[in-house]
Amino acid sequence: MFAGSDDGGERAAAIYSLLGTAQLNGLNIEAYLRYLFERLPDHPINRVHELLPWNLATEIPAMRLAA
């Protein structure tokens, strides 16, 4: 409704879904986004699945929320 267009709404939904999934996997959202933005420019497109929250939650414990 407030995304400006249907395409903008779909993009916002994809980002919200990614961040929600990161949160459900116990990741610190800010640390996860920082990690993504640092690695995405040089990361091969055929291995982008490696950057999904459920793959990083077990590989990078420092990114997890403090219990």
N, C-alpha and C. Protein backbone atom coordinates (compact mmCIF):
# COMPACT_ATOMS: atom_id res chain seq x y z
N MET A 1 0.81 -1.18 0.00
CA MET A 1 0.00 0.00 0.00
C MET A 1 0.87 1.26 0.00
N PHE A 2 2.00 1.22 0.70
CA PHE A 2 2.84 2.42 0.80
C PHE A 2 4.17 2.24 0.07
N ALA A 3 4.26 1.26 -0.81
CA ALA A 3 5.51 1.00 -1.52
C ALA A 3 5.64 1.84 -2.77
N GLY A 4 4.60 2.52 -3.20
CA GLY A 4 4.67 3.37 -4.37
C GLY A 4 4.17 2.73 -5.64
N SER A 5 4.30 1.41 -5.75
CA SER A 5 3.82 0.69 -6.93
C SER A 5 3.72 -0.79 -6.59
N ASP A 6 3.11 -1.56 -7.47
CA ASP A 6 3.02 -3.00 -7.25
C ASP A 6 4.40 -3.64 -7.24
N ASP A 7 5.27 -3.20 -8.16
CA ASP A 7 6.63 -3.75 -8.20
C ASP A 7 7.40 -3.42 -6.93
N GLY A 8 7.23 -2.20 -6.45
CA GLY A 8 7.88 -1.81 -5.20
C GLY A 8 7.38 -2.64 -4.03
N GLY A 9 6.09 -2.93 -4.02
CA GLY A 9 5.52 -3.77 -2.97
C GLY A 9 6.07 -5.18 -3.01
N GLU A 10 6.24 -5.72 -4.20
CA GLU A 10 6.80 -7.07 -4.33
C GLU A 10 8.25 -7.10 -3.86
N ARG A 11 9.02 -6.07 -4.20
CA ARG A 11 10.41 -6.00 -3.74
C ARG A 11 10.49 -5.87 -2.22
N ALA A 12 9.62 -5.02 -1.66
CA ALA A 12 9.59 -4.84 -0.21
C ALA A 12 9.22 -6.16 0.48
N ALA A 13 8.26 -6.88 -0.08
CA ALA A 13 7.85 -8.16 0.50
C ALA A 13 9.00 -9.16 0.49
N ALA A 14 9.78 -9.17 -0.58
CA ALA A 14 10.93 -10.08 -0.65
C ALA A 14 11.96 -9.75 0.42
N ILE A 15 12.24 -8.46 0.61
CA ILE A 15 13.21 -8.05 1.62
C ILE A 15 12.69 -8.36 3.02
N TYR A 16 11.42 -8.04 3.29
CA TYR A 16 10.83 -8.33 4.60
C TYR A 16 10.85 -9.83 4.88
N SER A 17 10.60 -10.63 3.86
CA SER A 17 10.62 -12.08 4.02
C SER A 17 12.03 -12.56 4.36
N LEU A 18 13.04 -12.04 3.67
CA LEU A 18 14.42 -12.41 3.94
C LEU A 18 14.82 -12.04 5.37
N LEU A 19 14.48 -10.82 5.77
CA LEU A 19 14.83 -10.38 7.13
C LEU A 19 14.06 -11.14 8.19
N GLY A 20 12.81 -11.45 7.92
CA GLY A 20 12.02 -12.25 8.87
C GLY A 20 12.59 -13.64 9.01
N THR A 21 13.04 -14.22 7.91
CA THR A 21 13.65 -15.55 7.96
C THR A 21 14.96 -15.51 8.74
N ALA A 22 15.73 -14.45 8.55
CA ALA A 22 16.97 -14.30 9.31
C ALA A 22 16.67 -14.23 10.80
N GLN A 23 15.65 -13.47 11.15
CA GLN A 23 15.29 -13.33 12.57
C GLN A 23 14.80 -14.67 13.13
N LEU A 24 14.00 -15.41 12.37
CA LEU A 24 13.53 -16.72 12.83
C LEU A 24 14.67 -17.72 12.99
N ASN A 25 15.76 -17.51 12.27
CA ASN A 25 16.93 -18.38 12.39
C ASN A 25 17.89 -17.88 13.47
N GLY A 26 17.45 -16.88 14.23
CA GLY A 26 18.23 -16.40 15.36
C GLY A 26 19.40 -15.50 15.00
N LEU A 27 19.38 -14.91 13.81
CA LEU A 27 20.48 -14.04 13.40
C LEU A 27 20.22 -12.60 13.82
N ASN A 28 21.28 -11.89 14.10
CA ASN A 28 21.22 -10.46 14.32
C ASN A 28 21.03 -9.84 12.94
N ILE A 29 19.92 -9.16 12.72
CA ILE A 29 19.57 -8.63 11.40
C ILE A 29 20.64 -7.66 10.88
N GLU A 30 21.10 -6.78 11.73
CA GLU A 30 22.11 -5.81 11.30
C GLU A 30 23.40 -6.50 10.88
N ALA A 31 23.83 -7.48 11.66
CA ALA A 31 25.05 -8.22 11.33
C ALA A 31 24.86 -9.02 10.04
N TYR A 32 23.68 -9.59 9.86
CA TYR A 32 23.38 -10.36 8.64
C TYR A 32 23.43 -9.46 7.41
N LEU A 33 22.79 -8.30 7.48
CA LEU A 33 22.80 -7.38 6.34
C LEU A 33 24.22 -6.89 6.03
N ARG A 34 24.98 -6.59 7.07
CA ARG A 34 26.37 -6.16 6.87
C ARG A 34 27.15 -7.25 6.15
N TYR A 35 26.99 -8.49 6.60
CA TYR A 35 27.66 -9.63 5.99
C TYR A 35 27.27 -9.75 4.52
N LEU A 36 25.97 -9.65 4.23
CA LEU A 36 25.49 -9.75 2.85
C LEU A 36 26.07 -8.66 1.96
N PHE A 37 25.98 -7.41 2.42
CA PHE A 37 26.43 -6.29 1.60
C PHE A 37 27.94 -6.32 1.35
N GLU A 38 28.68 -6.91 2.27
CA GLU A 38 30.13 -7.03 2.07
C GLU A 38 30.48 -8.11 1.05
N ARG A 39 29.67 -9.15 0.96
CA ARG A 39 30.00 -10.29 0.13
C ARG A 39 29.28 -10.35 -1.21
N LEU A 40 28.10 -9.78 -1.32
CA LEU A 40 27.32 -9.90 -2.55
C LEU A 40 28.03 -9.43 -3.82
N PRO A 41 28.76 -8.32 -3.81
CA PRO A 41 29.37 -7.86 -5.07
C PRO A 41 30.32 -8.87 -5.72
N ASP A 42 31.01 -9.68 -4.92
CA ASP A 42 31.99 -10.62 -5.46
C ASP A 42 31.53 -12.07 -5.40
N HIS A 43 30.32 -12.30 -4.91
CA HIS A 43 29.84 -13.67 -4.74
C HIS A 43 29.26 -14.20 -6.05
N PRO A 44 29.63 -15.41 -6.46
CA PRO A 44 29.10 -15.98 -7.71
C PRO A 44 27.58 -16.18 -7.63
N ILE A 45 26.88 -15.83 -8.67
CA ILE A 45 25.42 -15.91 -8.68
C ILE A 45 24.93 -17.35 -8.54
N ASN A 46 25.69 -18.30 -9.03
CA ASN A 46 25.25 -19.70 -8.93
C ASN A 46 25.46 -20.28 -7.53
N ARG A 47 26.03 -19.50 -6.61
CA ARG A 47 26.21 -19.94 -5.23
C ARG A 47 25.53 -19.00 -4.24
N VAL A 48 24.55 -18.23 -4.71
CA VAL A 48 23.88 -17.26 -3.84
C VAL A 48 23.12 -17.96 -2.71
N HIS A 49 22.75 -19.23 -2.90
CA HIS A 49 22.07 -19.98 -1.85
C HIS A 49 22.91 -20.08 -0.57
N GLU A 50 24.21 -19.96 -0.70
CA GLU A 50 25.10 -20.02 0.47
C GLU A 50 24.87 -18.85 1.42
N LEU A 51 24.29 -17.77 0.93
CA LEU A 51 24.09 -16.56 1.74
C LEU A 51 22.72 -16.49 2.40
N LEU A 52 21.91 -17.51 2.22
CA LEU A 52 20.58 -17.52 2.83
C LEU A 52 20.69 -17.72 4.34
N PRO A 53 19.76 -17.16 5.09
CA PRO A 53 19.87 -17.16 6.56
C PRO A 53 20.07 -18.53 7.19
N TRP A 54 19.35 -19.56 6.74
CA TRP A 54 19.47 -20.86 7.37
C TRP A 54 20.83 -21.50 7.11
N ASN A 55 21.52 -21.11 6.07
CA ASN A 55 22.87 -21.61 5.82
C ASN A 55 23.90 -20.88 6.67
N LEU A 56 23.70 -19.61 6.91
CA LEU A 56 24.67 -18.83 7.67
C LEU A 56 24.48 -18.98 9.18
N ALA A 57 23.29 -19.31 9.63
CA ALA A 57 23.02 -19.42 11.06
C ALA A 57 23.91 -20.47 11.72
N THR A 58 24.21 -21.54 11.01
CA THR A 58 25.05 -22.59 11.59
C THR A 58 26.52 -22.35 11.32
N GLU A 59 26.85 -21.63 10.25
CA GLU A 59 28.25 -21.43 9.86
C GLU A 59 28.92 -20.27 10.58
N ILE A 60 28.16 -19.26 10.95
CA ILE A 60 28.76 -18.06 11.54
C ILE A 60 28.09 -17.78 12.89
N PRO A 61 28.53 -18.44 13.93
CA PRO A 61 27.90 -18.28 15.25
C PRO A 61 27.96 -16.86 15.78
N ALA A 62 28.95 -16.08 15.39
CA ALA A 62 29.08 -14.71 15.89
C ALA A 62 27.93 -13.83 15.41
N MET A 63 27.23 -14.25 14.37
CA MET A 63 26.13 -13.47 13.83
C MET A 63 24.82 -13.76 14.57
N ARG A 64 24.82 -14.76 15.41
CA ARG A 64 23.59 -15.15 16.12
C ARG A 64 23.31 -14.16 17.25
N LEU A 65 22.04 -14.04 17.56
CA LEU A 65 21.61 -13.17 18.67
C LEU A 65 22.07 -13.76 20.00
N ALA A 66 22.39 -12.90 20.93
CA ALA A 66 22.77 -13.36 22.26
C ALA A 66 21.54 -13.94 22.94
N ALA A 67 21.70 -15.05 23.58
CA ALA A 67 20.55 -15.70 24.24
C ALA A 67 20.32 -15.14 25.62
